[in-house]
PDB file of N, CA and C in Angstrom:
ATOM      1  N   MET A   1     -24.162  23.289  -4.062  1.00  0.00           N
ATOM      2  CA  MET A   1     -25.518  23.242  -5.083  1.00  0.00           C
ATOM      3  C   MET A   1     -25.870  22.794  -5.905  1.00  0.00           C
ATOM      4  N   GLY A   2     -24.379  22.683  -6.568  1.00  0.00           N
ATOM      5  CA  GLY A   2     -25.514  21.518  -8.104  1.00  0.00           C
ATOM      6  C   GLY A   2     -25.844  20.133  -7.912  1.00  0.00           C
ATOM      7  N   ALA A   3     -25.789  19.650  -6.774  1.00  0.00           N
ATOM      8  CA  ALA A   3     -26.178  18.494  -6.708  1.00  0.00           C
ATOM      9  C   ALA A   3     -27.939  18.502  -6.266  1.00  0.00           C
ATOM     10  N   LEU A   4     -28.084  19.508  -6.215  1.00  0.00           N
ATOM     11  CA  LEU A   4     -30.268  19.769  -5.575  1.00  0.00           C
ATOM     12  C   LEU A   4     -30.120  19.282  -7.239  1.00  0.00           C
ATOM     13  N   SER A   5     -29.962  19.190  -7.834  1.00  0.00           N
ATOM     14  CA  SER A   5     -30.320  19.559  -9.214  1.00  0.00           C
ATOM     15  C   SER A   5     -30.504  18.371  -9.820  1.00  0.00           C
ATOM     16  N   VAL A   6     -31.544  17.528 -10.779  1.00  0.00           N
ATOM     17  CA  VAL A   6     -31.261  16.345 -11.111  1.00  0.00           C
ATOM     18  C   VAL A   6     -30.006  15.873 -12.004  1.00  0.00           C
ATOM     19  N   VAL A   7     -29.714  16.910 -12.339  1.00  0.00           N
ATOM     20  CA  VAL A   7     -28.718  16.753 -13.252  1.00  0.00           C
ATOM     21  C   VAL A   7     -27.105  16.785 -12.785  1.00  0.00           C
ATOM     22  N   GLY A   8     -27.497  17.445 -11.559  1.00  0.00           N
ATOM     23  CA  GLY A   8     -25.901  17.547 -11.064  1.00  0.00           C
ATOM     24  C   GLY A   8     -26.054  16.290 -10.010  1.00  0.00           C
ATOM     25  N   ILE A   9     -26.795  15.429  -9.398  1.00  0.00           N
ATOM     26  CA  ILE A   9     -26.778  14.145  -8.874  1.00  0.00           C
ATOM     27  C   ILE A   9     -25.679  13.487  -9.002  1.00  0.00           C
ATOM     28  N   PRO A  10     -25.747  12.464 -10.445  1.00  0.00           N
ATOM     29  CA  PRO A  10     -24.600  11.766 -10.953  1.00  0.00           C
ATOM     30  C   PRO A  10     -23.459  12.411 -10.665  1.00  0.00           C
ATOM     31  N   ALA A  11     -23.119  14.079 -11.074  1.00  0.00           N
ATOM     32  CA  ALA A  11     -21.567  14.378 -10.955  1.00  0.00           C
ATOM     33  C   ALA A  11     -21.739  14.353  -9.210  1.00  0.00           C
ATOM     34  N   ALA A  12     -22.136  14.548  -8.677  1.00  0.00           N
ATOM     35  CA  ALA A  12     -21.621  14.757  -7.434  1.00  0.00           C
ATOM     36  C   ALA A  12     -21.590  13.661  -6.397  1.00  0.00           C
ATOM     37  N   ILE A  13     -22.102  12.388  -7.030  1.00  0.00           N
ATOM     38  CA  ILE A  13     -22.051  11.044  -6.912  1.00  0.00           C
ATOM     39  C   ILE A  13     -20.754  10.256  -6.951  1.00  0.00           C
ATOM     40  N   THR A  14     -20.266  10.790  -8.405  1.00  0.00           N
ATOM     41  CA  THR A  14     -18.863  10.336  -8.898  1.00  0.00           C
ATOM     42  C   THR A  14     -17.573  11.286  -7.989  1.00  0.00           C
ATOM     43  N   VAL A  15     -17.960  12.730  -7.754  1.00  0.00           N
ATOM     44  CA  VAL A  15     -17.180  13.511  -6.851  1.00  0.00           C
ATOM     45  C   VAL A  15     -16.923  12.817  -5.470  1.00  0.00           C
ATOM     46  N   ILE A  16     -18.047  11.893  -5.278  1.00  0.00           N
ATOM     47  CA  ILE A  16     -18.274  11.736  -3.907  1.00  0.00           C
ATOM     48  C   ILE A  16     -17.045  10.014  -3.900  1.00  0.00           C
ATOM     49  N   LEU A  17     -17.909   9.525  -4.798  1.00  0.00           N
ATOM     50  CA  LEU A  17     -17.018   8.278  -4.587  1.00  0.00           C
ATOM     51  C   LEU A  17     -15.513   8.523  -5.428  1.00  0.00           C
ATOM     52  N   GLY A  18     -15.433   9.372  -5.856  1.00  0.00           N
ATOM     53  CA  GLY A  18     -14.084   9.945  -6.350  1.00  0.00           C
ATOM     54  C   GLY A  18     -13.045   9.780  -4.798  1.00  0.00           C
ATOM     55  N   ALA A  19     -13.223  10.674  -4.188  1.00  0.00           N
ATOM     56  CA  ALA A  19     -12.890  11.233  -2.895  1.00  0.00           C
ATOM     57  C   ALA A  19     -12.588  10.266  -2.278  1.00  0.00           C
ATOM     58  N   VAL A  20     -13.862   9.804  -2.067  1.00  0.00           N
ATOM     59  CA  VAL A  20     -13.142   7.829  -0.753  1.00  0.00           C
ATOM     60  C   VAL A  20     -12.715   6.774  -1.534  1.00  0.00           C
ATOM     61  N   ALA A  21     -12.308   7.053  -2.914  1.00  0.00           N
ATOM     62  CA  ALA A  21     -11.667   6.146  -3.592  1.00  0.00           C
ATOM     63  C   ALA A  21     -10.136   6.717  -3.019  1.00  0.00           C
ATOM     64  N   VAL A  22      -9.738   8.100  -3.029  1.00  0.00           N
ATOM     65  CA  VAL A  22      -8.493   8.548  -3.092  1.00  0.00           C
ATOM     66  C   VAL A  22      -8.423   8.686  -1.115  1.00  0.00           C
ATOM     67  N   ALA A  23      -9.224   8.270  -0.491  1.00  0.00           N
ATOM     68  CA  ALA A  23      -9.241   8.148   0.687  1.00  0.00           C
ATOM     69  C   ALA A  23      -8.772   6.985   1.383  1.00  0.00           C
ATOM     70  N   ILE A  24      -9.526   5.884   0.730  1.00  0.00           N
ATOM     71  CA  ILE A  24      -8.885   4.497   1.070  1.00  0.00           C
ATOM     72  C   ILE A  24      -7.742   4.337   0.604  1.00  0.00           C
ATOM     73  N   ALA A  25      -7.159   4.762  -0.591  1.00  0.00           N
ATOM     74  CA  ALA A  25      -5.731   4.308  -1.156  1.00  0.00           C
ATOM     75  C   ALA A  25      -4.855   4.844  -0.101  1.00  0.00           C
ATOM     76  N   LEU A  26      -5.704   6.340   0.475  1.00  0.00           N
ATOM     77  CA  LEU A  26      -4.090   6.721   1.206  1.00  0.00           C
ATOM     78  C   LEU A  26      -4.269   6.238   2.868  1.00  0.00           C
ATOM     79  N   VAL A  27      -5.112   5.500   3.097  1.00  0.00           N
ATOM     80  CA  VAL A  27      -5.164   4.875   4.486  1.00  0.00           C
ATOM     81  C   VAL A  27      -4.199   3.481   3.842  1.00  0.00           C
ATOM     82  N   ALA A  28      -4.283   2.787   3.039  1.00  0.00           N
ATOM     83  CA  ALA A  28      -3.962   1.251   2.474  1.00  0.00           C
ATOM     84  C   ALA A  28      -2.313   1.850   2.484  1.00  0.00           C
ATOM     85  N   THR A  29      -1.892   2.710   1.445  1.00  0.00           N
ATOM     86  CA  THR A  29      -0.654   3.097   2.077  1.00  0.00           C
ATOM     87  C   THR A  29       0.195   3.474   3.286  1.00  0.00           C
ATOM     88  N   THR A  30      -0.690   4.110   4.043  1.00  0.00           N
ATOM     89  CA  THR A  30      -0.417   4.226   5.454  1.00  0.00           C
ATOM     90  C   THR A  30       0.043   2.666   6.297  1.00  0.00           C
ATOM     91  N   ILE A  31      -1.161   2.537   6.217  1.00  0.00           N
ATOM     92  CA  ILE A  31      -0.662   0.683   6.628  1.00  0.00           C
ATOM     93  C   ILE A  31       0.418   0.283   6.316  1.00  0.00           C
ATOM     94  N   THR A  32       0.286   0.082   4.634  1.00  0.00           N
ATOM     95  CA  THR A  32       1.332  -0.769   4.240  1.00  0.00           C
ATOM     96  C   THR A  32       2.847   0.151   4.868  1.00  0.00           C
ATOM     97  N   ALA A  33       2.923   1.275   4.710  1.00  0.00           N
ATOM     98  CA  ALA A  33       3.976   1.884   5.121  1.00  0.00           C
ATOM     99  C   ALA A  33       4.573   2.201   6.571  1.00  0.00           C
ATOM    100  N   LEU A  34       3.079   1.319   7.650  1.00  0.00           N
ATOM    101  CA  LEU A  34       3.488   1.384   9.171  1.00  0.00           C
ATOM    102  C   LEU A  34       3.914   0.016   8.795  1.00  0.00           C
ATOM    103  N   GLU A  35       3.555  -0.931   8.279  1.00  0.00           N
ATOM    104  CA  GLU A  35       3.545  -2.444   8.657  1.00  0.00           C
ATOM    105  C   GLU A  35       5.236  -2.267   8.469  1.00  0.00           C
ATOM    106  N   ALA A  36       5.501  -2.010   7.221  1.00  0.00           N
ATOM    107  CA  ALA A  36       7.093  -1.945   6.924  1.00  0.00           C
ATOM    108  C   ALA A  36       7.966  -1.188   7.764  1.00  0.00           C
ATOM    109  N   HIS A  37       7.681   0.042   8.803  1.00  0.00           N
ATOM    110  CA  HIS A  37       7.980   0.183   9.730  1.00  0.00           C
ATOM    111  C   HIS A  37       8.424  -0.142  10.817  1.00  0.00           C
ATOM    112  N   ILE A  38       7.489  -1.141  11.371  1.00  0.00           N
ATOM    113  CA  ILE A  38       7.056  -2.220  12.177  1.00  0.00           C
ATOM    114  C   ILE A  38       7.980  -2.991  12.201  1.00  0.00           C
ATOM    115  N   ASP A  39       8.077  -3.505  10.746  1.00  0.00           N
ATOM    116  CA  ASP A  39       9.252  -4.567  10.602  1.00  0.00           C
ATOM    117  C   ASP A  39      10.604  -4.465  10.538  1.00  0.00           C
ATOM    118  N   THR A  40      10.787  -3.254  10.746  1.00  0.00           N
ATOM    119  CA  THR A  40      12.366  -3.277  10.371  1.00  0.00           C
ATOM    120  C   THR A  40      12.530  -3.254  11.753  1.00  0.00           C
ATOM    121  N   ILE A  41      11.749  -1.943  12.215  1.00  0.00           N
ATOM    122  CA  ILE A  41      12.156  -2.207  14.454  1.00  0.00           C
ATOM    123  C   ILE A  41      11.870  -3.138  14.715  1.00  0.00           C
ATOM    124  N   GLU A  42      11.000  -4.124  14.328  1.00  0.00           N
ATOM    125  CA  GLU A  42      11.213  -6.101  15.241  1.00  0.00           C
ATOM    126  C   GLU A  42      12.560  -6.215  14.576  1.00  0.00           C
ATOM    127  N   THR A  43      12.891  -6.528  13.785  1.00  0.00           N
ATOM    128  CA  THR A  43      14.363  -7.026  13.241  1.00  0.00           C
ATOM    129  C   THR A  43      15.732  -6.169  14.224  1.00  0.00           C
ATOM    130  N   GLN A  44      15.368  -4.900  13.927  1.00  0.00           N
ATOM    131  CA  GLN A  44      16.681  -4.061  14.988  1.00  0.00           C
ATOM    132  C   GLN A  44      16.532  -4.490  16.164  1.00  0.00           C
ATOM    133  N   GLN A  45      15.628  -4.607  16.501  1.00  0.00           N
ATOM    134  CA  GLN A  45      15.508  -4.924  18.000  1.00  0.00           C
ATOM    135  C   GLN A  45      16.028  -6.391  18.306  1.00  0.00           C
ATOM    136  N   ALA A  46      15.673  -7.194  17.434  1.00  0.00           N
ATOM    137  CA  ALA A  46      15.999  -8.727  17.363  1.00  0.00           C
ATOM    138  C   ALA A  46      17.417  -8.774  17.672  1.00  0.00           C
ATOM    139  N   THR A  47      18.136  -7.684  16.377  1.00  0.00           N
ATOM    140  CA  THR A  47      19.391  -7.648  16.261  1.00  0.00           C
ATOM    141  C   THR A  47      20.547  -6.794  17.745  1.00  0.00           C
ATOM    142  N   ILE A  48      19.386  -6.085  18.261  1.00  0.00           N
ATOM    143  CA  ILE A  48      19.826  -5.865  19.534  1.00  0.00           C
ATOM    144  C   ILE A  48      20.121  -6.649  20.678  1.00  0.00           C
ATOM    145  N   GLY A  49      18.817  -7.324  20.360  1.00  0.00           N
ATOM    146  CA  GLY A  49      18.816  -8.409  21.314  1.00  0.00           C
ATOM    147  C   GLY A  49      19.703  -9.376  21.829  1.00  0.00           C
ATOM    148  N   GLN A  50      19.710 -10.032  20.613  1.00  0.00           N
ATOM    149  CA  GLN A  50      20.753 -10.794  20.187  1.00  0.00           C
ATOM    150  C   GLN A  50      22.278 -10.582  20.856  1.00  0.00           C
ATOM    151  N   LYS A  51      22.671  -9.476  20.532  1.00  0.00           N
ATOM    152  CA  LYS A  51      23.598  -8.864  21.013  1.00  0.00           C
ATOM    153  C   LYS A  51      23.940  -8.534  22.182  1.00  0.00           C
ATOM    154  N   VAL A  52      23.293  -7.565  22.897  1.00  0.00           N
ATOM    155  CA  VAL A  52      22.868  -8.402  24.497  1.00  0.00           C
ATOM    156  C   VAL A  52      23.298  -9.753  25.134  1.00  0.00           C
ATOM    157  N   HIS A  53      22.835 -10.134  24.203  1.00  0.00           N
ATOM    158  CA  HIS A  53      22.721 -11.825  24.742  1.00  0.00           C
ATOM    159  C   HIS A  53      24.158 -12.196  24.608  1.00  0.00           C
ATOM    160  N   ASP A  54      24.844 -11.600  23.409  1.00  0.00           N
ATOM    161  CA  ASP A  54      26.344 -12.274  23.064  1.00  0.00           C
ATOM    162  C   ASP A  54      27.341 -11.502  24.294  1.00  0.00           C
ATOM    163  N   ILE A  55      27.091 -10.766  24.693  1.00  0.00           N
ATOM    164  CA  ILE A  55      27.644  -9.790  25.475  1.00  0.00           C
ATOM    165  C   ILE A  55      27.459  -9.992  26.625  1.00  0.00           C
ATOM    166  N   GLY A  56      26.821 -10.813  27.412  1.00  0.00           N
ATOM    167  CA  GLY A  56      26.506 -10.779  28.599  1.00  0.00           C
ATOM    168  C   GLY A  56      27.163 -12.197  28.761  1.00  0.00           C
ATOM    169  N   ALA A  57      27.194 -13.303  27.838  1.00  0.00           N
ATOM    170  CA  ALA A  57      28.130 -14.390  28.075  1.00  0.00           C
ATOM    171  C   ALA A  57      29.732 -13.759  28.303  1.00  0.00           C
ATOM    172  N   TRP A  58      30.260 -12.955  28.101  1.00  0.00           N
ATOM    173  CA  TRP A  58      31.326 -12.760  28.444  1.00  0.00           C
ATOM    174  C   TRP A  58      32.263 -11.820  28.655  1.00  0.00           C
ATOM    175  N   TRP A  59      31.070 -10.880  28.656  1.00  0.00           N
ATOM    176  CA  TRP A  59      31.455  -9.321  29.557  1.00  0.00           C
ATOM    177  C   TRP A  59      31.453  -9.224  31.064  1.00  0.00           C
ATOM    178  N   SER A  60      32.526  -9.242  31.596  1.00  0.00           N
ATOM    179  CA  SER A  60      32.018  -9.107  32.939  1.00  0.00           C
ATOM    180  C   SER A  60      31.649  -8.102  33.620  1.00  0.00           C
ATOM    181  N   PRO A  61      30.935  -7.574  34.721  1.00  0.00           N
ATOM    182  CA  PRO A  61      30.110  -6.959  35.299  1.00  0.00           C
ATOM    183  C   PRO A  61      31.224  -5.595  35.840  1.00  0.00           C
ATOM    184  N   SER A  62      30.523  -4.731  35.471  1.00  0.00           N
ATOM    185  CA  SER A  62      30.770  -3.471  36.319  1.00  0.00           C
ATOM    186  C   SER A  62      31.261  -3.697  38.090  1.00  0.00           C
ATOM    187  N   ASN A  63      32.831  -2.932  38.566  1.00  0.00           N
ATOM    188  CA  ASN A  63      32.770  -3.115  39.395  1.00  0.00           C
ATOM    189  C   ASN A  63      32.562  -1.705  39.867  1.00  0.00           C
ATOM    190  N   ILE A  64      31.281  -1.548  40.636  1.00  0.00           N
ATOM    191  CA  ILE A  64      30.357  -0.212  41.079  1.00  0.00           C
ATOM    192  C   ILE A  64      31.395   0.414  41.871  1.00  0.00           C
ATOM    193  N   ALA A  65      31.414  -0.503  43.166  1.00  0.00           N
ATOM    194  CA  ALA A  65      32.611   0.110  44.239  1.00  0.00           C
ATOM    195  C   ALA A  65      33.315   0.764  43.656  1.00  0.00           C
ATOM    196  N   ALA A  66      34.457   0.070  42.539  1.00  0.00           N
ATOM    197  CA  ALA A  66      35.563   1.083  42.314  1.00  0.00           C
ATOM    198  C   ALA A  66      35.271   2.473  41.618  1.00  0.00           C
ATOM    199  N   MET A  67      33.840   2.631  41.106  1.00  0.00           N
ATOM    200  CA  MET A  67      33.712   3.863  40.664  1.00  0.00           C
ATOM    201  C   MET A  67      33.132   5.121  41.576  1.00  0.00           C
ATOM    202  N   SER A  68      32.894   4.543  42.706  1.00  0.00           N
ATOM    203  CA  SER A  68      31.982   5.638  43.896  1.00  0.00           C
ATOM    204  C   SER A  68      33.149   6.231  44.340  1.00  0.00           C
ATOM    205  N   ASP A  69      34.161   5.985  43.805  1.00  0.00           N
ATOM    206  CA  ASP A  69      35.346   7.249  44.714  1.00  0.00           C
ATOM    207  C   ASP A  69      35.417   8.331  43.564  1.00  0.00           C
ATOM    208  N   ALA A  70      34.109   9.506  43.236  1.00  0.00           N
ATOM    209  CA  ALA A  70      34.590  10.542  42.359  1.00  0.00           C
ATOM    210  C   ALA A  70      34.799  11.348  42.967  1.00  0.00           C
ATOM    211  N   SER A  71      34.489  11.392  44.137  1.00  0.00           N
ATOM    212  CA  SER A  71      34.104  12.716  44.534  1.00  0.00           C
ATOM    213  C   SER A  71      35.307  13.414  45.184  1.00  0.00           C
ATOM    214  N   VAL A  72      35.593  14.793  45.089  1.00  0.00           N
ATOM    215  CA  VAL A  72      36.401  15.813  45.327  1.00  0.00           C
ATOM    216  C   VAL A  72      36.769  16.287  46.863  1.00  0.00           C
ATOM    217  N   THR A  73      35.785  15.926  47.106  1.00  0.00           N
ATOM    218  CA  THR A  73      35.545  16.500  48.927  1.00  0.00           C
ATOM    219  C   THR A  73      35.333  15.880  50.150  1.00  0.00           C
ATOM    220  N   ASP A  74      35.814  14.263  49.278  1.00  0.00           N
ATOM    221  CA  ASP A  74      35.760  13.600  51.159  1.00  0.00           C
ATOM    222  C   ASP A  74      37.186  13.348  51.993  1.00  0.00           C
ATOM    223  N   GLY A  75      37.852  13.901  51.495  1.00  0.00           N
ATOM    224  CA  GLY A  75      39.157  13.903  52.032  1.00  0.00           C
ATOM    225  C   GLY A  75      40.579  13.234  51.171  1.00  0.00           C
ATOM    226  N   ASP A  76      39.987  11.996  50.651  1.00  0.00           N
ATOM    227  CA  ASP A  76      40.679  11.298  50.044  1.00  0.00           C
ATOM    228  C   ASP A  76      41.081  11.291  48.631  1.00  0.00           C
ATOM    229  N   ALA A  77      42.545  11.048  48.241  1.00  0.00           N
ATOM    230  CA  ALA A  77      42.517  11.111  47.005  1.00  0.00           C
ATOM    231  C   ALA A  77      41.990  10.493  45.921  1.00  0.00           C
ATOM    232  N   PRO A  78      41.160  11.138  44.749  1.00  0.00           N
ATOM    233  CA  PRO A  78      40.259  10.052  43.792  1.00  0.00           C
ATOM    234  C   PRO A  78      41.951   9.227  43.212  1.00  0.00           C
ATOM    235  N   ASP A  79      40.826   7.973  42.480  1.00  0.00           N
ATOM    236  CA  ASP A  79      41.329   6.420  41.942  1.00  0.00           C
ATOM    237  C   ASP A  79      41.974   7.236  40.743  1.00  0.00           C
ATOM    238  N   TRP A  80      41.421   8.280  39.878  1.00  0.00           N
ATOM    239  CA  TRP A  80      42.077   8.457  38.667  1.00  0.00           C
ATOM    240  C   TRP A  80      42.773  10.035  38.789  1.00  0.00           C
ATOM    241  N   GLN A  81      43.206  10.460  37.879  1.00  0.00           N
ATOM    242  CA  GLN A  81      44.502  11.141  37.555  1.00  0.00           C
ATOM    243  C   GLN A  81      44.296  11.884  36.261  1.00  0.00           C
ATOM    244  N   ILE A  82      43.990  13.017  35.676  1.00  0.00           N
ATOM    245  CA  ILE A  82      44.124  13.731  34.642  1.00  0.00           C
ATOM    246  C   ILE A  82      45.174  13.633  34.217  1.00  0.00           C
ATOM    247  N   ILE A  83      45.585  13.087  32.330  1.00  0.00           N
ATOM    248  CA  ILE A  83      46.540  12.886  31.834  1.00  0.00           C
ATOM    249  C   ILE A  83      46.659  14.382  31.057  1.00  0.00           C
ATOM    250  N   GLU A  84      48.263  15.064  31.602  1.00  0.00           N
ATOM    251  CA  GLU A  84      48.307  16.334  31.055  1.00  0.00           C
ATOM    252  C   GLU A  84      49.626  16.023  29.332  1.00  0.00           C
TER     253      GLU A  84
END
């Protein structure tokens, strides 16, 4: 209601400009933090990608056929035993 008077208009403008300045500062801070977070993620993804590439050069593929006999109801003995 103070902005309705001639005396209150400059004060209202000052309050509005202050709120806009704070909002702009918060948006800028959020953007900066988000960019830093994305940069960190991109660095970690590049590291993981390089490690996966390096593993692919010497890691032999799994023998899926040997791992498929894990059933205990198919009538034959499994390929692994519990060590007690």
